[in-house]
Amino acid sequence: MVEPAALATLEDSPRMKTNTVRSHDNASVHDERGEAARSRFIKLSLASLRFGPGLILVILVLTLGLCSQYFFTARNLGNVLAQTAAIAVLAMGQHLVILTRGIDLSVGSVLALSSVVGALVYRQVHSGTLIIAVMIGTGLAVGFVNGFVYVWGRLPHPFIITLATLSIARGLALELAGGAAIPGMPDIILFLGGGSIGGVPASALAACAVALALAGMTRWLVWGRWIYSVGGNPDAARRTGIPTKGVLLSVYMISGAAAGIGAVLTSGRTAAGSPLFGNLAELDSIAAVIIGGASFLGGRGHIGHALIGALMIGIIRNALNLLNVDIFFQLIVIGVIIVLAVEADVLRGRLEARFRVLQSLGVK
């Protein structure tokens, strides 16, 4: 047996101390390497989630091109862009609302009401510019009501007022139109909805113009930074002096205006205004934003997310039609995609939280 005194002497020896230090160093190096590997994995996962919708869109287009010989025809691609344009415009307005942690359920009904009001005015005045202004103005008015009641009425969530205006706007449209479509639209609206420039649908070009305008506003204007601040941390934005009420009012007005623009494009395709336009379009617009990669948590996303999501919805529906898939099954597919997109957003939030912890520990 080793005597206690001898054991203490042995533990205090230089060789034993050196081995102990080396073992601790090796364990520390191993832990650091493990954390660094986890950090790299999280970075890669975040990048995949961030660019995933765009990559999925590319893969989807290539796959469908192989599955159907008609998909890449000029006529079919033109139809996809034309059918997607109105939803894309609605989604861009919805995107700004979602950036502020809100939601606008009224956009489909506002689209219908705007088209009906435009058709009724066209019966009295044949100015295309005036009709477009009336349609967009109708959307702005409903958007103002949504924002004003939500902010100054101190409602707990915009779901309440936009659900109410969904019903009110649809009811007004049905009442004003007598429950039937009203034929007739000026030439400029017919061109915007059904014309083309160089083989590209004019409606798609109009949607691109809206996208460029909103992207520029959110990127280069102080107002755009305010939107992200209000969505990211409303309390902090209020304490720093950002006019949160005005910001919230503005995004709902823009969402309403986007519905008015959607009415112009839809009425131009059908040469009429109808109280039945925009049925379930609010769900398509929300789905496009979420599928495109934006977050319901607010403060994160860009206009490109809305465009990507709208294109994905339009392409999926077009492909299922080309493949003779039942229309009811299309609803199931869109619903499943929405669930997957929301789960991806939840996963991204968890990974970002974990990544911030690793960064605070100095792991790169």
Protein backbone atom coordinates (compact mmCIF):
# COMPACT_ATOMS: atom_id res chain seq x y z
CA MET A 1 0.00 0.00 0.00
CA VAL A 2 1.08 3.55 -0.67
CA GLU A 3 1.25 5.66 2.42
CA PRO A 4 -0.87 8.85 2.47
CA ALA A 5 2.22 10.97 2.72
CA ALA A 6 3.74 9.21 -0.25
CA LEU A 7 0.47 9.57 -2.20
CA ALA A 8 0.40 13.32 -1.49
CA THR A 9 4.01 13.57 -2.59
CA LEU A 10 3.15 11.65 -5.76
CA GLU A 11 0.19 13.93 -6.56
CA ASP A 12 2.36 17.01 -6.00
CA SER A 13 5.07 15.76 -8.30
CA PRO A 14 5.79 17.80 -11.49
CA ARG A 15 4.96 14.88 -13.77
CA MET A 16 1.52 14.35 -12.20
CA LYS A 17 0.76 18.10 -12.44
CA THR A 18 1.82 18.15 -16.09
CA ASN A 19 -0.41 15.19 -16.97
CA THR A 20 -3.37 16.79 -15.17
CA VAL A 21 -2.92 20.09 -17.00
CA ARG A 22 -2.59 18.30 -20.33
CA SER A 23 -5.81 16.35 -19.73
CA HIS A 24 -7.68 19.56 -18.90
CA ASP A 25 -6.25 21.25 -21.99
CA ASN A 26 -7.24 18.33 -24.20
CA ALA A 27 -10.76 18.38 -22.78
CA SER A 28 -11.02 22.15 -23.37
CA VAL A 29 -9.77 21.82 -26.94
CA HIS A 30 -12.23 19.00 -27.56
CA ASP A 31 -15.12 21.08 -26.18
CA GLU A 32 -14.12 24.10 -28.27
CA ARG A 33 -13.92 21.98 -31.40
CA GLY A 34 -17.32 20.50 -30.65
CA GLU A 35 -18.89 23.93 -30.14
CA ALA A 36 -17.24 25.22 -33.32
CA ALA A 37 -18.60 22.25 -35.27
CA ARG A 38 -22.08 22.89 -33.88
CA SER A 39 -21.77 26.56 -34.77
CA ARG A 40 -20.83 25.70 -38.37
CA PHE A 41 -23.74 23.27 -38.59
CA ILE A 42 -26.16 25.92 -37.31
CA LYS A 43 -24.79 28.47 -39.79
CA LEU A 44 -25.27 26.01 -42.64
CA SER A 45 -28.79 25.17 -41.46
CA LEU A 46 -29.74 28.86 -41.20
CA ALA A 47 -28.39 29.51 -44.69
CA SER A 48 -30.41 26.58 -46.02
CA LEU A 49 -33.58 27.90 -44.39
CA ARG A 50 -32.89 31.45 -45.55
CA PHE A 51 -32.30 30.57 -49.18
CA GLY A 52 -34.43 27.43 -49.13
CA PRO A 53 -37.60 28.92 -50.69
CA GLY A 54 -35.68 30.28 -53.67
CA LEU A 55 -33.86 26.99 -54.19
CA ILE A 56 -37.12 25.06 -53.86
CA LEU A 57 -38.69 27.32 -56.48
CA VAL A 58 -35.83 26.62 -58.91
CA ILE A 59 -36.00 22.87 -58.26
CA LEU A 60 -39.77 22.96 -58.63
CA VAL A 61 -39.58 24.70 -62.00
CA LEU A 62 -36.94 22.30 -63.33
CA THR A 63 -38.84 19.25 -62.08
CA LEU A 64 -42.13 20.36 -63.58
CA GLY A 65 -40.38 21.11 -66.85
CA LEU A 66 -39.34 17.47 -66.96
CA CYS A 67 -42.77 16.16 -65.94
CA SER A 68 -44.80 18.15 -68.45
CA GLN A 69 -43.83 19.08 -71.99
CA TYR A 70 -46.20 22.05 -71.88
CA PHE A 71 -44.81 23.72 -68.78
CA PHE A 72 -42.01 25.66 -70.49
CA THR A 73 -44.12 26.80 -73.41
CA ALA A 74 -44.39 30.58 -73.75
CA ARG A 75 -48.17 30.45 -73.48
CA ASN A 76 -48.15 28.46 -70.26
CA LEU A 77 -45.48 30.59 -68.60
CA GLY A 78 -47.39 33.70 -69.59
CA ASN A 79 -50.54 32.24 -68.01
CA VAL A 80 -48.66 31.48 -64.79
CA LEU A 81 -47.34 35.04 -64.55
CA ALA A 82 -50.72 36.58 -65.38
CA GLN A 83 -52.58 34.40 -62.88
CA THR A 84 -50.01 35.07 -60.17
CA ALA A 85 -49.76 38.85 -60.60
CA ALA A 86 -52.79 39.85 -58.51
CA ILE A 87 -51.92 37.45 -55.68
CA ALA A 88 -48.32 38.70 -55.74
CA VAL A 89 -49.48 42.31 -55.31
CA LEU A 90 -51.79 41.32 -52.44
CA ALA A 91 -48.95 39.35 -50.86
CA MET A 92 -46.59 42.32 -50.98
CA GLY A 93 -49.09 44.46 -49.08
CA GLN A 94 -49.72 41.59 -46.68
CA HIS A 95 -45.98 41.25 -46.20
CA LEU A 96 -45.67 44.76 -44.77
CA VAL A 97 -48.49 44.02 -42.34
CA ILE A 98 -46.88 40.75 -41.24
CA LEU A 99 -43.58 42.57 -40.74
CA THR A 100 -45.32 44.51 -37.97
CA ARG A 101 -46.67 41.28 -36.40
CA GLY A 102 -50.11 41.90 -37.87
CA ILE A 103 -52.44 40.30 -40.39
CA ASP A 104 -54.94 41.61 -42.92
CA LEU A 105 -57.83 39.25 -43.58
CA SER A 106 -59.80 41.76 -45.62
CA VAL A 107 -57.71 42.00 -48.79
CA GLY A 108 -59.79 39.54 -50.84
CA SER A 109 -63.04 41.31 -50.02
CA VAL A 110 -61.44 44.72 -50.59
CA LEU A 111 -60.35 43.55 -54.03
CA ALA A 112 -63.96 42.62 -54.83
CA LEU A 113 -65.34 45.90 -53.48
CA SER A 114 -62.76 47.95 -55.39
CA SER A 115 -63.60 46.20 -58.65
CA VAL A 116 -67.33 46.77 -58.16
CA VAL A 117 -66.88 50.45 -57.30
CA GLY A 118 -64.65 50.87 -60.35
CA ALA A 119 -67.23 49.20 -62.62
CA LEU A 120 -70.03 51.39 -61.25
CA VAL A 121 -68.00 54.57 -61.79
CA TYR A 122 -67.17 53.41 -65.32
CA ARG A 123 -70.87 53.47 -66.11
CA GLN A 124 -70.82 57.23 -65.50
CA VAL A 125 -67.25 58.24 -66.45
CA HIS A 126 -65.03 56.55 -69.05
CA SER A 127 -61.69 57.92 -67.85
CA GLY A 128 -59.31 55.02 -67.30
CA THR A 129 -57.05 57.05 -65.02
CA LEU A 130 -60.00 58.01 -62.85
CA ILE A 131 -61.24 54.43 -62.60
CA ILE A 132 -57.79 53.22 -61.51
CA ALA A 133 -57.62 56.01 -58.93
CA VAL A 134 -61.10 55.09 -57.64
CA MET A 135 -60.16 51.42 -57.27
CA ILE A 136 -56.91 52.15 -55.43
CA GLY A 137 -58.65 54.84 -53.39
CA THR A 138 -61.31 52.37 -52.28
CA GLY A 139 -58.59 50.03 -51.05
CA LEU A 140 -56.83 52.90 -49.28
CA ALA A 141 -60.05 53.87 -47.53
CA VAL A 142 -60.67 50.37 -46.17
CA GLY A 143 -57.01 50.09 -45.19
CA PHE A 144 -57.30 53.37 -43.30
CA VAL A 145 -60.32 52.03 -41.41
CA ASN A 146 -58.42 48.84 -40.54
CA GLY A 147 -55.38 50.71 -39.27
CA PHE A 148 -57.28 53.46 -37.48
CA VAL A 149 -59.63 51.15 -35.58
CA TYR A 150 -56.81 48.77 -34.70
CA VAL A 151 -54.42 51.46 -33.43
CA TRP A 152 -56.68 54.10 -31.94
CA GLY A 153 -59.40 51.64 -30.95
CA ARG A 154 -56.70 49.79 -28.98
CA LEU A 155 -57.79 46.39 -30.21
CA PRO A 156 -55.71 43.47 -28.92
CA HIS A 157 -54.99 42.20 -32.45
CA PRO A 158 -55.69 43.33 -36.04
CA PHE A 159 -57.34 39.95 -36.67
CA ILE A 160 -60.52 41.38 -35.16
CA ILE A 161 -60.98 44.49 -37.30
CA THR A 162 -59.75 42.91 -40.54
CA LEU A 163 -62.12 39.97 -40.01
CA ALA A 164 -64.92 42.50 -39.59
CA THR A 165 -63.99 44.44 -42.74
CA LEU A 166 -63.68 41.17 -44.64
CA SER A 167 -67.40 40.67 -44.06
CA ILE A 168 -68.37 44.34 -44.45
CA ALA A 169 -66.49 44.86 -47.72
CA ARG A 170 -67.86 41.65 -49.23
CA GLY A 171 -71.37 42.58 -48.18
CA LEU A 172 -71.03 46.08 -49.66
CA ALA A 173 -69.73 44.62 -52.91
CA LEU A 174 -72.67 42.21 -53.16
CA GLU A 175 -75.16 44.95 -52.34
CA LEU A 176 -73.75 47.49 -54.79
CA ALA A 177 -73.49 44.95 -57.61
CA GLY A 178 -76.80 43.23 -56.90
CA GLY A 179 -74.96 39.95 -56.48
CA ALA A 180 -73.83 39.82 -60.11
CA ALA A 181 -70.81 40.87 -62.15
CA ILE A 182 -70.85 44.34 -63.75
CA PRO A 183 -69.38 44.21 -67.28
CA GLY A 184 -67.21 46.91 -68.78
CA MET A 185 -63.77 48.37 -68.07
CA PRO A 186 -61.69 51.10 -69.77
CA ASP A 187 -58.98 50.14 -72.26
CA ILE A 188 -56.07 50.94 -69.95
CA ILE A 189 -57.36 48.52 -67.34
CA LEU A 190 -58.01 45.86 -70.00
CA PHE A 191 -54.40 46.28 -71.11
CA LEU A 192 -52.98 46.10 -67.58
CA GLY A 193 -54.97 42.98 -66.83
CA GLY A 194 -54.87 41.14 -70.14
CA GLY A 195 -52.31 42.83 -72.40
CA SER A 196 -48.63 42.08 -72.88
CA ILE A 197 -45.37 43.84 -73.68
CA GLY A 198 -42.82 41.85 -75.63
CA GLY A 199 -44.63 38.63 -74.78
CA VAL A 200 -44.57 39.39 -71.04
CA PRO A 201 -48.00 39.94 -69.43
CA ALA A 202 -48.56 43.58 -68.51
CA SER A 203 -49.99 42.44 -65.17
CA ALA A 204 -46.67 40.76 -64.32
CA LEU A 205 -44.79 43.95 -65.22
CA ALA A 206 -47.20 45.93 -63.03
CA ALA A 207 -46.52 43.55 -60.14
CA CYS A 208 -42.77 44.01 -60.67
CA ALA A 209 -43.22 47.79 -60.60
CA VAL A 210 -45.06 47.52 -57.27
CA ALA A 211 -42.29 45.25 -55.95
CA LEU A 212 -39.56 47.70 -56.94
CA ALA A 213 -41.43 50.61 -55.37
CA LEU A 214 -42.04 48.82 -52.06
CA ALA A 215 -38.52 47.37 -51.96
CA GLY A 216 -37.07 50.85 -52.46
CA MET A 217 -39.33 52.35 -49.80
CA THR A 218 -38.48 49.72 -47.20
CA ARG A 219 -34.77 49.78 -47.95
CA TRP A 220 -33.96 53.45 -48.49
CA LEU A 221 -36.56 55.34 -46.47
CA VAL A 222 -36.46 55.84 -42.70
CA TRP A 223 -40.04 54.64 -42.73
CA GLY A 224 -38.81 51.24 -43.90
CA ARG A 225 -36.45 50.93 -40.95
CA TRP A 226 -39.28 51.95 -38.66
CA ILE A 227 -41.39 49.04 -39.95
CA TYR A 228 -38.70 46.52 -39.03
CA SER A 229 -38.18 48.19 -35.64
CA VAL A 230 -41.89 48.12 -34.82
CA GLY A 231 -42.11 44.47 -35.88
CA GLY A 232 -38.92 43.43 -34.14
CA ASN A 233 -39.58 45.06 -30.77
CA PRO A 234 -42.67 47.31 -30.49
CA ASP A 235 -41.91 48.48 -26.93
CA ALA A 236 -38.34 49.45 -27.75
CA ALA A 237 -39.50 51.22 -30.92
CA ARG A 238 -42.00 53.24 -28.90
CA ARG A 239 -39.41 54.19 -26.28
CA THR A 240 -36.96 55.37 -28.93
CA GLY A 241 -39.50 57.82 -30.33
CA ILE A 242 -40.61 55.94 -33.45
CA PRO A 243 -44.22 56.91 -34.35
CA THR A 244 -45.51 53.37 -34.03
CA LYS A 245 -49.15 54.34 -34.52
CA GLY A 246 -48.42 56.11 -37.78
CA VAL A 247 -46.28 53.21 -38.99
CA LEU A 248 -49.03 50.69 -38.27
CA LEU A 249 -51.65 52.89 -39.96
CA SER A 250 -49.44 53.25 -43.04
CA VAL A 251 -48.89 49.50 -43.57
CA TYR A 252 -52.63 48.76 -43.43
CA MET A 253 -53.30 51.56 -45.89
CA ILE A 254 -50.65 50.18 -48.24
CA SER A 255 -52.16 46.70 -47.89
CA GLY A 256 -55.54 48.17 -48.85
CA ALA A 257 -53.99 50.02 -51.80
CA ALA A 258 -52.38 46.74 -52.92
CA ALA A 259 -55.86 45.18 -52.89
CA GLY A 260 -57.03 48.05 -55.09
CA ILE A 261 -54.20 47.38 -57.53
CA GLY A 262 -55.11 43.70 -57.46
CA ALA A 263 -58.66 44.72 -58.39
CA VAL A 264 -57.33 46.65 -61.41
CA LEU A 265 -55.40 43.59 -62.63
CA THR A 266 -58.25 41.15 -61.98
CA SER A 267 -60.89 43.38 -63.57
CA GLY A 268 -58.64 43.87 -66.57
CA ARG A 269 -58.44 40.11 -67.13
CA THR A 270 -62.20 39.66 -66.97
CA ALA A 271 -63.36 43.05 -68.34
CA ALA A 272 -65.74 43.36 -65.40
CA GLY A 273 -66.11 44.10 -61.73
CA SER A 274 -67.54 41.34 -59.56
CA PRO A 275 -68.44 40.92 -55.87
CA LEU A 276 -67.15 37.36 -56.14
CA PHE A 277 -63.58 38.36 -56.99
CA GLY A 278 -60.87 37.64 -54.44
CA ASN A 279 -62.57 34.68 -52.81
CA LEU A 280 -60.03 33.24 -50.33
CA ALA A 281 -57.38 35.58 -51.78
CA GLU A 282 -56.53 36.70 -48.25
CA LEU A 283 -55.43 33.16 -47.46
CA ASP A 284 -53.37 32.97 -50.64
CA SER A 285 -51.63 36.24 -49.78
CA ILE A 286 -50.79 35.09 -46.25
CA ALA A 287 -49.64 31.71 -47.56
CA ALA A 288 -47.41 33.37 -50.16
CA VAL A 289 -45.66 35.47 -47.51
CA ILE A 290 -45.06 32.53 -45.18
CA ILE A 291 -44.11 30.05 -47.90
CA GLY A 292 -41.66 32.62 -49.26
CA GLY A 293 -39.77 32.62 -45.97
CA ALA A 294 -41.03 35.63 -43.99
CA SER A 295 -41.79 35.27 -40.29
CA PHE A 296 -45.06 35.65 -38.41
CA LEU A 297 -42.95 36.89 -35.50
CA GLY A 298 -42.42 40.16 -37.34
CA GLY A 299 -39.38 42.30 -38.10
CA ARG A 300 -37.84 39.86 -40.58
CA GLY A 301 -38.26 39.41 -44.32
CA HIS A 302 -38.24 41.32 -47.60
CA ILE A 303 -40.51 41.83 -50.57
CA GLY A 304 -38.76 39.00 -52.42
CA HIS A 305 -40.31 36.56 -49.95
CA ALA A 306 -43.80 37.55 -51.07
CA LEU A 307 -42.89 37.24 -54.75
CA ILE A 308 -41.25 33.83 -54.31
CA GLY A 309 -44.20 32.54 -52.32
CA ALA A 310 -46.75 33.82 -54.84
CA LEU A 311 -44.80 32.23 -57.71
CA MET A 312 -44.59 28.93 -55.84
CA ILE A 313 -48.35 28.88 -55.30
CA GLY A 314 -49.04 29.81 -58.92
CA ILE A 315 -46.60 27.26 -60.31
CA ILE A 316 -47.86 24.46 -58.07
CA ARG A 317 -51.45 25.08 -59.12
CA ASN A 318 -50.50 25.32 -62.77
CA ALA A 319 -48.47 22.11 -62.58
CA LEU A 320 -51.26 20.21 -60.85
CA ASN A 321 -53.64 21.36 -63.59
CA LEU A 322 -51.23 20.22 -66.29
CA LEU A 323 -50.92 16.86 -64.57
CA ASN A 324 -54.73 16.57 -64.32
CA VAL A 325 -54.71 16.50 -60.52
CA ASP A 326 -58.10 17.02 -58.87
CA ILE A 327 -58.68 20.65 -57.83
CA PHE A 328 -59.63 19.58 -54.31
CA PHE A 329 -56.27 17.90 -53.91
CA GLN A 330 -54.61 21.21 -54.81
CA LEU A 331 -56.04 22.75 -51.63
CA ILE A 332 -54.53 19.91 -49.62
CA VAL A 333 -51.10 20.44 -51.20
CA ILE A 334 -51.12 24.19 -50.49
CA GLY A 335 -52.18 23.52 -46.89
CA VAL A 336 -49.36 21.02 -46.34
CA ILE A 337 -46.84 23.48 -47.79
CA ILE A 338 -48.05 26.19 -45.40
CA VAL A 339 -47.57 23.86 -42.40
CA LEU A 340 -44.04 23.00 -43.56
CA ALA A 341 -43.22 26.68 -44.07
CA VAL A 342 -44.41 27.61 -40.57
CA GLU A 343 -42.42 24.73 -39.06
CA ALA A 344 -39.35 25.94 -40.96
CA ASP A 345 -39.85 29.38 -39.44
CA VAL A 346 -40.07 27.89 -35.93
CA LEU A 347 -36.91 25.85 -36.56
CA ARG A 348 -35.11 28.93 -37.84
CA GLY A 349 -36.02 30.83 -34.67
CA ARG A 350 -34.60 28.06 -32.48
CA LEU A 351 -31.41 27.83 -34.51
CA GLU A 352 -30.91 31.59 -34.37
CA ALA A 353 -31.35 31.55 -30.59
CA ARG A 354 -28.78 28.76 -30.30
CA PHE A 355 -26.40 30.58 -32.62
CA ARG A 356 -26.63 33.76 -30.52
CA VAL A 357 -25.73 31.73 -27.43
CA LEU A 358 -22.65 30.31 -29.16
CA GLN A 359 -21.64 33.79 -30.32
CA SER A 360 -21.93 35.11 -26.78
CA LEU A 361 -19.52 32.35 -25.72
CA GLY A 362 -17.03 33.50 -28.36
CA VAL A 363 -17.47 30.45 -30.61
CA LYS A 364 -17.03 31.16 -34.32
